[in-house]
Amino acid sequence: MEMPSPNPSVLAKKARIVERLSGVLPPDAVIHDATETRVYECDALTAYKCPPLCAVLPASTEEVAAVLKICHEEGVPVVPRGAGTSLAGGALPTADCVVVGVARLNEVLETDYENRLIRVQSGRTNLSVTGAVEADGFFYAPDPSSQLACAIAGNIGMNSGGAHCLKYGVTTNNLLGVTMVLMDGSVVEIGGGHLDAPGLDLLGLVCGSEGQLGIVTEATLRILRKPEGARPVLIGYDSNEVAGQCVSDIIKAGVLPVAIEFMDRPCIRATEAFAHAGYPDCEALLIVEVEGSDDEIDAQLGVITQIARKHDPVELREAQDADQAARIWLGRKSAFGAMGQINDYMCLDGTIPVSSLPHVLRRIGEMSKDYGLDVGNVFHAGDGNMHPLILFDANKPGDLERCEAFGADILKLCVEVGGCLTGEHGVGIEKRDLMGTQFDPVDLDAQIRIKDVFDPKWLLNPAKVFPLAATESRRAA
C-alpha cells in the first residue's frame, strides 16, 4: 500500500523551524532527520510513542533561551527532556513539537562546602552530583532508583525522592535555587544559595511542575556531610499485611531510619534469580537502614529489631560488615531490572499514609485476582511511596488496557485512603485523566490559572498533567 505524502505546509513549517533553530545552535545540536528523531519518540513509558517535529540539544542557558524565543514566536510547542527516564510519559512528544534536551547542560558551576551547596547545570545526572563532592566527605541526598541515568532537570520537574527520602526528604527539600527559562525566552532566577527567599514560594511552585512553567537550566542544591556510618537490617515475614504493620509500628515508635524498603514475594523471587542476594523465602521483605555513630546505630536498631520480633519474622538479619550490607541492598537495587526479565510491566507511583499499608496491600492483592494480572510490590515503605509493578503481555490484545484499568483503580485507592496520585514519578500523561479523582474543579482551575501566567499560549509540555480538554481549550483561545 502506498503511503500518503507528507502535507506540504507541514514540511514547509518544519523547514522554517529547523532553519531558524540552526541559526542559533551548532549544526550537531539540531536533530531533524526522521530516523534520528525516533530516539526521542518516547521516554521510559514506552507504551506510547510519537516522533517530534525535531529535537535540539542546547549547551547553555543562553541557547535554551534562544530556542524558546523562536518556538514562542512560531507558536511551536516545546517538550523539555532530561534523560528520558520518566515513567509517567512526562517527556512524550507531540508530532508538532520541538524536544529540548538538556543532556549537554552537564557542568558543575560552583561548589561551596562552607555553605553546603553545589550549583550545577540541570542536565547533570543525579548520581554524578554526589560524585563531584564525595571525595571531600559530602553527598547529595535524593536518590531515585534511576539515579545513575536520570537528570537533575527531571528530578526537579517531578520532585523525585528515592530510598533515603524518609530521613532527608525529596528534591524540594534539597533544592535551594534555579535558573529557569520561560516560554518567551526570558530568564529568571528563583531562590539561591540561602535557606529561604522573601515573597511567594516560587521555588516550591517550580519543583514538581513537570515542565509546565519553564525549563530549568541551572540548579543550586543542598549537599550534606556523609554520616559516620550506616547499617541495614533485613526482616522477612510470611504476610504482606504483617510487614506493612511492622513499618507502621516503626514509624509510630518515633525512630527515624534513613530508609525502609518493601518487597513482596514476586519481587523477592525475581531478584534472587537475577542478583543472588541471598534473600529468604518469604512473602514480604523489609530493608531498614539507620545512620550515625556506632552507638546511635546500635540504639536505633535495638528498637527496630524489638518491634520486628513482635511480629514473628521468618528471618531477621543485621549486616555485620560492608559486604553484608551491600548484599542486603543488592536485590532491592536490582528489582526493576529483575522484574523486567520476567514480563512486561507498568510501574505505578502513588502515596498513602503509612498506617494504611496493611489495608492497601490487601486490596491490591484482591484486585490482582479480579483483573487476572500479577503484581509485584517494591517501594519506599517509610514514607508510603508505593510502586506496584503490574505484569502484562504487551503482545496480547487487550492486556495493556486491562493493566491501565488495574493501575487506575490502585491510584484511586491511594487517594481514597488519604494519599495522592503521585509521589515522585509525576502525572505526565499516565495520570492526567485521574486528576479529577484527587482535585475538584476549583482546585484544578487554580492550577490551570498558574499555568496561564507562566505560559499564556500553553506551548510548554502540552497534553500533560491537566485534563486534555483544558489544554485544547487554552491552545484554541
Protein backbone atom coordinates (compact mmCIF):
# COMPACT_ATOMS: atom_id res chain seq x y z
CA MET A 1 0.00 0.00 0.00
CA GLU A 2 1.35 3.41 -0.95
CA MET A 3 1.94 5.76 1.99
CA PRO A 4 0.44 9.28 1.70
CA SER A 5 2.87 12.10 1.03
CA PRO A 6 3.57 14.49 3.89
CA ASN A 7 1.49 17.67 3.90
CA PRO A 8 3.47 20.36 2.02
CA SER A 9 2.54 23.06 4.56
CA VAL A 10 3.80 20.85 7.40
CA LEU A 11 7.06 20.26 5.56
CA ALA A 12 7.45 23.97 4.89
CA LYS A 13 6.85 24.81 8.56
CA LYS A 14 9.34 22.18 9.68
CA ALA A 15 11.96 23.51 7.24
CA ARG A 16 11.44 27.04 8.54
CA ILE A 17 11.70 25.99 12.21
CA VAL A 18 14.81 23.90 11.58
CA GLU A 19 16.42 26.76 9.66
CA ARG A 20 15.75 29.24 12.47
CA LEU A 21 16.97 26.85 15.18
CA SER A 22 20.10 26.09 13.15
CA GLY A 23 20.84 29.79 13.19
CA VAL A 24 21.22 29.88 17.00
CA LEU A 25 22.67 26.40 17.66
CA PRO A 26 25.66 24.42 16.39
CA PRO A 27 24.89 22.08 13.45
CA ASP A 28 25.05 18.92 15.55
CA ALA A 29 22.62 20.35 18.12
CA VAL A 30 19.59 20.33 15.80
CA ILE A 31 18.20 16.86 15.07
CA HIS A 32 15.53 16.74 12.36
CA ASP A 33 16.17 13.59 10.31
CA ALA A 34 13.13 11.31 10.63
CA THR A 35 15.25 8.33 11.64
CA GLU A 36 17.23 10.24 14.26
CA THR A 37 14.20 11.87 15.87
CA ARG A 38 12.83 8.41 16.69
CA VAL A 39 15.32 8.35 19.58
CA TYR A 40 13.11 11.00 21.20
CA GLU A 41 9.71 9.47 20.40
CA CYS A 42 9.11 8.26 23.97
CA ASP A 43 10.54 8.14 27.47
CA ALA A 44 10.54 5.17 29.86
CA LEU A 45 6.76 4.82 29.47
CA THR A 46 7.31 3.03 26.17
CA ALA A 47 3.67 2.07 25.59
CA TYR A 48 3.17 5.45 23.91
CA LYS A 49 5.35 6.87 21.12
CA CYS A 50 5.31 9.88 18.83
CA PRO A 51 8.30 11.30 16.90
CA PRO A 52 8.66 15.07 17.36
CA LEU A 53 8.99 17.71 14.68
CA CYS A 54 12.65 17.94 15.70
CA ALA A 55 14.89 17.84 18.77
CA VAL A 56 17.57 20.25 19.95
CA LEU A 57 20.47 19.89 22.37
CA PRO A 58 21.47 23.31 23.72
CA ALA A 59 24.58 23.61 25.91
CA SER A 60 23.86 26.83 27.82
CA THR A 61 21.07 28.88 29.34
CA GLU A 62 21.51 31.40 26.52
CA GLU A 63 20.98 28.71 23.87
CA VAL A 64 17.87 27.41 25.64
CA ALA A 65 16.52 30.98 25.76
CA ALA A 66 17.18 31.45 22.03
CA VAL A 67 15.37 28.20 21.20
CA LEU A 68 12.31 29.02 23.31
CA LYS A 69 12.10 32.55 21.88
CA ILE A 70 11.94 31.11 18.37
CA CYS A 71 9.35 28.49 19.31
CA HIS A 72 7.27 31.13 21.08
CA GLU A 73 7.30 33.37 18.01
CA GLU A 74 6.39 30.45 15.74
CA GLY A 75 3.71 29.07 18.08
CA VAL A 76 5.51 25.72 18.25
CA PRO A 77 5.01 23.52 21.35
CA VAL A 78 8.09 22.57 23.37
CA VAL A 79 8.66 19.35 25.32
CA PRO A 80 11.51 19.54 27.85
CA ARG A 81 13.54 16.34 28.22
CA GLY A 82 16.10 15.35 30.83
CA ALA A 83 17.42 11.81 30.47
CA GLY A 84 14.14 10.29 29.28
CA THR A 85 13.70 8.11 32.40
CA SER A 86 10.16 9.38 33.14
CA LEU A 87 7.77 6.52 33.89
CA ALA A 88 4.67 8.70 33.51
CA GLY A 89 5.18 9.89 29.93
CA GLY A 90 6.42 13.27 31.14
CA ALA A 91 8.69 13.69 28.08
CA LEU A 92 6.37 12.18 25.45
CA PRO A 93 6.49 14.44 22.37
CA THR A 94 3.67 15.59 20.12
CA ALA A 95 4.13 15.46 16.35
CA ASP A 96 4.26 19.26 16.08
CA CYS A 97 6.69 19.90 18.95
CA VAL A 98 10.37 20.66 19.44
CA VAL A 99 12.02 18.47 22.09
CA VAL A 100 14.53 20.48 24.12
CA GLY A 101 17.00 18.03 25.64
CA VAL A 102 19.30 19.22 28.43
CA ALA A 103 21.86 16.40 28.21
CA ARG A 104 24.66 18.81 27.20
CA LEU A 105 23.99 21.02 30.22
CA ASN A 106 26.10 18.84 32.48
CA GLU A 107 28.73 21.02 34.17
CA VAL A 108 29.40 21.73 37.85
CA LEU A 109 29.36 25.53 38.11
CA GLU A 110 30.18 26.10 41.78
CA THR A 111 30.95 24.09 44.91
CA ASP A 112 30.63 25.80 48.30
CA TYR A 113 31.39 23.46 51.20
CA GLU A 114 31.22 26.22 53.79
CA ASN A 115 27.58 26.87 52.91
CA ARG A 116 26.92 23.23 51.97
CA LEU A 117 25.75 23.79 48.41
CA ILE A 118 26.60 22.93 44.84
CA ARG A 119 25.44 24.69 41.68
CA VAL A 120 25.12 22.51 38.57
CA GLN A 121 23.66 22.64 35.11
CA SER A 122 20.38 20.75 35.06
CA GLY A 123 21.40 18.00 32.63
CA ARG A 124 23.89 16.58 35.12
CA THR A 125 22.91 13.14 36.37
CA ASN A 126 21.73 12.68 39.93
CA LEU A 127 24.49 10.30 40.99
CA SER A 128 27.23 12.45 39.46
CA VAL A 129 26.30 15.31 41.81
CA THR A 130 27.40 13.15 44.73
CA GLY A 131 30.35 12.04 42.61
CA ALA A 132 31.54 15.63 42.41
CA VAL A 133 31.70 16.08 46.20
CA GLU A 134 32.09 12.64 47.80
CA ALA A 135 35.90 12.79 47.89
CA ASP A 136 35.51 15.74 50.25
CA GLY A 137 33.07 13.89 52.51
CA PHE A 138 29.78 15.24 51.17
CA PHE A 139 26.79 13.82 49.27
CA TYR A 140 23.53 14.84 47.58
CA ALA A 141 20.65 13.14 49.38
CA PRO A 142 17.80 12.42 46.89
CA ASP A 143 18.49 9.02 45.31
CA PRO A 144 15.80 7.81 42.87
CA SER A 145 16.30 4.28 41.57
CA SER A 146 17.28 5.72 38.17
CA GLN A 147 19.95 7.95 39.76
CA LEU A 148 22.72 6.57 37.56
CA ALA A 149 20.95 8.00 34.49
CA CYS A 150 18.27 10.50 35.49
CA ALA A 151 18.96 14.22 35.19
CA ILE A 152 18.58 16.88 37.86
CA ALA A 153 16.17 18.68 35.49
CA GLY A 154 13.80 15.71 35.58
CA ASN A 155 14.25 15.32 39.35
CA ILE A 156 13.14 18.94 39.78
CA GLY A 157 10.29 18.54 37.30
CA MET A 158 8.85 15.50 39.10
CA ASN A 159 10.06 16.30 42.64
CA SER A 160 11.84 12.93 42.78
CA GLY A 161 12.65 11.13 46.00
CA GLY A 162 14.34 7.77 46.48
CA ALA A 163 15.11 5.19 49.12
CA HIS A 164 16.64 7.66 51.58
CA CYS A 165 13.96 10.36 51.39
CA LEU A 166 12.41 9.19 54.66
CA LYS A 167 15.20 10.98 56.54
CA TYR A 168 16.47 13.55 54.04
CA GLY A 169 13.34 14.49 52.13
CA VAL A 170 12.69 14.64 48.39
CA THR A 171 14.04 17.07 45.79
CA THR A 172 12.09 20.08 47.06
CA ASN A 173 13.73 19.67 50.48
CA ASN A 174 17.20 19.78 48.89
CA LEU A 175 16.68 22.45 46.23
CA LEU A 176 17.83 26.00 47.04
CA GLY A 177 17.51 27.83 43.74
CA VAL A 178 17.08 27.56 39.97
CA THR A 179 17.79 29.43 36.77
CA MET A 180 14.74 28.95 34.56
CA VAL A 181 13.90 29.96 31.00
CA LEU A 182 10.28 30.93 30.39
CA MET A 183 8.46 30.09 27.16
CA ASP A 184 9.05 33.55 25.67
CA GLY A 185 12.82 33.16 26.15
CA SER A 186 13.17 35.35 29.22
CA VAL A 187 15.44 34.05 32.01
CA VAL A 188 14.51 34.20 35.70
CA GLU A 189 16.45 33.42 38.87
CA ILE A 190 14.45 31.90 41.73
CA GLY A 191 15.93 31.26 45.18
CA GLY A 192 19.69 30.91 45.55
CA GLY A 193 22.45 29.99 47.95
CA HIS A 194 20.48 30.55 51.11
CA LEU A 195 17.87 28.78 53.20
CA ASP A 196 14.82 30.73 52.11
CA ALA A 197 13.77 33.60 49.86
CA PRO A 198 11.43 36.53 50.55
CA GLY A 199 7.98 36.71 48.99
CA LEU A 200 5.94 33.91 47.48
CA ASP A 201 7.47 30.43 47.43
CA LEU A 202 8.02 30.31 43.67
CA LEU A 203 10.72 27.67 44.10
CA GLY A 204 8.16 25.33 45.67
CA LEU A 205 5.90 26.06 42.71
CA VAL A 206 8.58 25.20 40.14
CA CYS A 207 9.69 21.96 41.84
CA GLY A 208 7.20 19.32 40.72
CA SER A 209 5.68 21.44 37.95
CA GLU A 210 6.60 18.86 35.26
CA GLY A 211 7.92 21.32 32.69
CA GLN A 212 4.64 23.26 32.60
CA LEU A 213 6.12 26.59 33.70
CA GLY A 214 9.62 26.79 32.20
CA ILE A 215 12.85 24.90 31.53
CA VAL A 216 15.31 24.75 34.42
CA THR A 217 18.87 25.12 33.16
CA GLU A 218 20.81 25.51 36.43
CA ALA A 219 20.12 24.34 39.98
CA THR A 220 21.58 25.17 43.37
CA LEU A 221 21.39 22.05 45.54
CA ARG A 222 21.94 21.35 49.20
CA ILE A 223 24.81 18.93 49.95
CA LEU A 224 25.33 17.18 53.27
CA ARG A 225 28.17 15.69 55.25
CA LYS A 226 28.42 11.94 54.91
CA PRO A 227 27.22 10.16 58.06
CA GLU A 228 29.77 8.40 60.26
CA GLY A 229 28.31 5.05 59.32
CA ALA A 230 25.20 3.21 58.16
CA ARG A 231 23.86 -0.30 58.75
CA PRO A 232 20.86 -2.11 57.27
CA VAL A 233 18.79 -4.92 58.74
CA LEU A 234 16.79 -7.37 56.64
CA ILE A 235 13.43 -8.58 58.02
CA GLY A 236 11.33 -11.30 56.37
CA TYR A 237 7.62 -12.01 57.02
CA ASP A 238 5.03 -14.53 55.88
CA SER A 239 2.45 -11.85 55.15
CA ASN A 240 2.41 -8.51 53.29
CA GLU A 241 -0.05 -7.16 55.83
CA VAL A 242 2.18 -8.07 58.78
CA ALA A 243 5.19 -6.44 57.09
CA GLY A 244 3.09 -3.33 56.50
CA GLN A 245 2.07 -3.27 60.15
CA CYS A 246 5.71 -3.55 61.19
CA VAL A 247 6.53 -0.48 59.10
CA SER A 248 3.68 1.43 60.69
CA ASP A 249 4.85 0.44 64.19
CA ILE A 250 8.44 1.53 63.50
CA ILE A 251 7.28 4.98 62.38
CA LYS A 252 4.86 5.20 65.31
CA ALA A 253 7.72 4.47 67.73
CA GLY A 254 9.43 7.72 66.71
CA VAL A 255 12.53 6.08 65.23
CA LEU A 256 13.74 7.76 62.02
CA PRO A 257 15.58 5.27 59.81
CA VAL A 258 17.27 6.63 56.72
CA ALA A 259 15.29 4.11 54.64
CA ILE A 260 12.56 1.48 54.91
CA GLU A 261 12.14 -0.52 51.71
CA PHE A 262 9.49 -3.18 50.99
CA MET A 263 9.49 -6.11 48.55
CA ASP A 264 6.87 -8.86 48.16
CA ARG A 265 7.26 -12.49 47.06
CA PRO A 266 7.16 -11.93 43.26
CA CYS A 267 9.91 -9.30 43.57
CA ILE A 268 11.92 -11.40 46.02
CA ARG A 269 11.90 -14.39 43.68
CA ALA A 270 12.77 -12.29 40.63
CA THR A 271 15.67 -10.52 42.33
CA GLU A 272 17.04 -13.76 43.75
CA ALA A 273 17.11 -15.33 40.30
CA PHE A 274 18.70 -12.19 38.90
CA ALA A 275 21.11 -10.95 41.60
CA HIS A 276 21.54 -13.91 44.04
CA ALA A 277 21.46 -11.60 47.05
CA GLY A 278 20.64 -14.40 49.50
CA TYR A 279 17.15 -13.29 50.42
CA PRO A 280 14.94 -15.64 52.50
CA ASP A 281 11.95 -17.48 51.02
CA CYS A 282 9.07 -15.42 52.41
CA GLU A 283 6.03 -13.38 51.42
CA ALA A 284 7.42 -9.94 52.28
CA LEU A 285 10.79 -8.42 52.94
CA LEU A 286 11.78 -5.18 54.66
CA ILE A 287 15.16 -3.48 54.44
CA VAL A 288 15.56 -0.94 57.23
CA GLU A 289 18.73 1.17 57.35
CA VAL A 290 19.88 3.60 60.06
CA GLU A 291 22.80 6.03 60.19
CA GLY A 292 25.07 7.71 62.71
CA SER A 293 27.80 6.72 65.12
CA ASP A 294 28.12 3.09 66.20
CA ASP A 295 26.29 3.88 69.45
CA GLU A 296 23.46 5.64 67.60
CA ILE A 297 23.14 2.78 65.14
CA ASP A 298 23.07 0.17 67.90
CA ALA A 299 20.41 2.10 69.81
CA GLN A 300 18.15 2.60 66.77
CA LEU A 301 18.50 -0.97 65.54
CA GLY A 302 17.76 -2.20 69.06
CA VAL A 303 14.34 -0.51 68.95
CA ILE A 304 13.67 -1.62 65.36
CA THR A 305 14.56 -5.28 65.94
CA GLN A 306 12.47 -5.35 69.13
CA ILE A 307 9.45 -4.12 67.15
CA ALA A 308 10.19 -6.55 64.29
CA ARG A 309 10.33 -9.56 66.61
CA LYS A 310 6.87 -8.79 67.99
CA HIS A 311 5.53 -9.62 64.52
CA ASP A 312 7.25 -13.06 64.40
CA PRO A 313 9.65 -12.61 61.44
CA VAL A 314 10.76 -15.51 59.27
CA GLU A 315 14.24 -14.05 59.31
CA LEU A 316 15.94 -11.05 60.91
CA ARG A 317 19.45 -10.37 59.63
CA GLU A 318 21.61 -7.43 60.66
CA ALA A 319 24.58 -6.57 58.44
CA GLN A 320 27.88 -7.16 60.24
CA ASP A 321 30.16 -5.53 57.67
CA ALA A 322 30.15 -3.56 54.44
CA ASP A 323 29.94 -6.67 52.27
CA GLN A 324 26.85 -7.96 54.07
CA ALA A 325 25.27 -4.51 53.87
CA ALA A 326 25.89 -4.39 50.11
CA ARG A 327 24.28 -7.82 49.66
CA ILE A 328 21.20 -6.78 51.60
CA TRP A 329 20.78 -3.83 49.23
CA LEU A 330 21.79 -5.74 46.10
CA GLY A 331 18.40 -7.27 45.42
CA ARG A 332 16.46 -4.09 46.09
CA LYS A 333 18.69 -2.08 43.75
CA SER A 334 18.21 -4.77 41.08
CA ALA A 335 14.44 -5.15 41.49
CA PHE A 336 13.20 -3.23 38.46
CA GLY A 337 15.66 -4.84 36.07
CA ALA A 338 14.94 -8.27 37.54
CA MET A 339 11.18 -7.87 37.08
CA GLY A 340 11.74 -6.76 33.50
CA GLN A 341 13.30 -10.16 32.73
CA ILE A 342 10.06 -11.88 33.71
CA ASN A 343 7.49 -9.88 31.78
CA ASP A 344 6.38 -6.50 30.51
CA TYR A 345 5.27 -4.36 33.41
CA MET A 346 3.86 -0.97 34.26
CA CYS A 347 5.44 0.73 37.27
CA LEU A 348 2.95 2.84 39.20
CA ASP A 349 3.60 5.58 41.71
CA GLY A 350 1.19 6.65 44.42
CA THR A 351 1.48 7.65 48.06
CA ILE A 352 -0.56 6.61 51.09
CA PRO A 353 -0.48 7.18 54.86
CA VAL A 354 1.90 4.62 56.37
CA SER A 355 -0.87 3.41 58.68
CA SER A 356 -2.86 2.33 55.60
CA LEU A 357 -0.17 -0.03 54.27
CA PRO A 358 -1.76 -3.29 55.52
CA HIS A 359 -5.18 -2.38 54.06
CA VAL A 360 -3.83 -1.16 50.71
CA LEU A 361 -1.58 -4.19 50.22
CA ARG A 362 -4.51 -6.49 50.93
CA ARG A 363 -6.75 -4.65 48.44
CA ILE A 364 -4.05 -4.71 45.74
CA GLY A 365 -3.86 -8.49 46.18
CA GLU A 366 -7.64 -8.77 45.80
CA MET A 367 -7.68 -6.53 42.71
CA SER A 368 -4.86 -8.59 41.21
CA LYS A 369 -7.13 -11.65 41.28
CA ASP A 370 -10.09 -9.68 39.91
CA TYR A 371 -8.09 -8.40 36.93
CA GLY A 372 -6.19 -11.64 36.37
CA LEU A 373 -2.85 -9.81 36.31
CA ASP A 374 0.03 -10.45 38.68
CA VAL A 375 1.50 -7.54 40.59
CA GLY A 376 4.81 -7.15 42.37
CA ASN A 377 5.21 -4.60 45.16
CA VAL A 378 8.55 -2.88 45.71
CA PHE A 379 8.51 0.57 47.25
CA HIS A 380 9.67 3.15 49.77
CA ALA A 381 7.56 1.96 52.70
CA GLY A 382 8.83 4.51 55.21
CA ASP A 383 7.10 7.46 53.52
CA GLY A 384 4.26 5.46 51.94
CA ASN A 385 5.51 5.93 48.37
CA MET A 386 4.22 2.82 46.60
CA HIS A 387 5.49 1.40 43.31
CA PRO A 388 3.27 -1.56 42.32
CA LEU A 389 4.58 -3.33 39.20
CA ILE A 390 1.67 -4.73 37.18
CA LEU A 391 2.77 -7.57 34.90
CA PHE A 392 1.16 -7.88 31.48
CA ASP A 393 1.86 -9.11 27.94
CA ALA A 394 2.34 -6.19 25.56
CA ASN A 395 1.79 -8.55 22.59
CA LYS A 396 -1.58 -9.79 23.88
CA PRO A 397 -4.53 -7.73 22.62
CA GLY A 398 -6.34 -6.02 25.48
CA ASP A 399 -3.67 -6.69 28.10
CA LEU A 400 -2.31 -3.13 28.14
CA GLU A 401 -5.80 -1.68 28.54
CA ARG A 402 -6.55 -4.12 31.38
CA CYS A 403 -3.25 -3.19 33.03
CA GLU A 404 -4.08 0.52 32.78
CA ALA A 405 -7.53 -0.03 34.29
CA PHE A 406 -5.97 -2.00 37.16
CA GLY A 407 -3.42 0.76 37.69
CA ALA A 408 -6.13 3.41 37.74
CA ASP A 409 -8.00 1.51 40.44
CA ILE A 410 -4.84 1.26 42.56
CA LEU A 411 -4.26 5.01 42.28
CA LYS A 412 -7.89 5.73 43.13
CA LEU A 413 -7.41 3.54 46.21
CA CYS A 414 -4.38 5.63 47.21
CA VAL A 415 -6.48 8.80 47.08
CA GLU A 416 -9.38 7.08 48.87
CA VAL A 417 -7.24 6.29 51.94
CA GLY A 418 -5.90 9.84 52.15
CA GLY A 419 -2.88 9.63 49.84
CA CYS A 420 -2.26 11.11 46.41
CA LEU A 421 -1.79 10.16 42.76
CA THR A 422 1.97 10.51 42.67
CA GLY A 423 4.96 10.52 44.96
CA GLU A 424 7.87 11.08 42.58
CA HIS A 425 7.04 9.96 39.03
CA GLY A 426 4.71 12.86 38.30
CA VAL A 427 1.37 12.94 36.48
CA GLY A 428 2.55 13.19 32.87
CA ILE A 429 0.06 11.55 30.53
CA GLU A 430 -0.27 8.42 32.67
CA LYS A 431 -2.44 10.03 35.40
CA ARG A 432 -3.72 13.06 33.50
CA ASP A 433 -7.27 11.71 33.30
CA LEU A 434 -7.24 10.83 37.02
CA MET A 435 -6.59 14.38 38.21
CA GLY A 436 -10.32 14.82 38.83
CA THR A 437 -10.14 11.94 41.31
CA GLN A 438 -7.96 13.98 43.65
CA PHE A 439 -8.81 17.58 42.74
CA ASP A 440 -12.21 19.20 42.40
CA PRO A 441 -12.87 21.70 39.58
CA VAL A 442 -11.94 24.69 41.77
CA ASP A 443 -8.56 23.13 42.69
CA LEU A 444 -7.82 22.30 39.07
CA ASP A 445 -8.82 25.78 37.91
CA ALA A 446 -6.35 27.34 40.36
CA GLN A 447 -3.53 25.20 38.94
CA ILE A 448 -4.56 25.96 35.37
CA ARG A 449 -4.57 29.72 36.05
CA ILE A 450 -0.99 29.50 37.35
CA LYS A 451 -0.03 27.80 34.09
CA ASP A 452 -1.75 30.69 32.25
CA VAL A 453 0.55 33.19 33.96
CA PHE A 454 3.83 31.43 33.12
CA ASP A 455 2.84 30.06 29.70
CA PRO A 456 -0.15 32.01 28.27
CA LYS A 457 -0.07 30.20 24.92
CA TRP A 458 0.12 26.78 26.61
CA LEU A 459 3.10 25.72 24.50
CA LEU A 460 5.18 24.07 27.25
CA ASN A 461 4.87 20.29 27.59
CA PRO A 462 1.42 20.06 26.00
CA ALA A 463 -1.20 17.42 26.82
CA LYS A 464 0.38 16.60 30.18
CA VAL A 465 -0.80 16.88 33.79
CA PHE A 466 -4.10 18.70 33.15
CA PRO A 467 -7.21 17.07 31.63
CA LEU A 468 -6.87 17.15 27.86
CA ALA A 469 -9.92 19.38 27.41
CA ALA A 470 -8.19 22.13 29.41
CA THR A 471 -5.11 22.01 27.17
CA GLU A 472 -7.18 22.03 23.99
CA SER A 473 -9.37 24.95 25.11
CA ARG A 474 -6.34 27.03 26.12
CA ARG A 475 -4.48 26.27 22.88
CA ALA A 476 -7.56 27.21 20.84
CA ALA A 477 -8.05 30.52 22.66
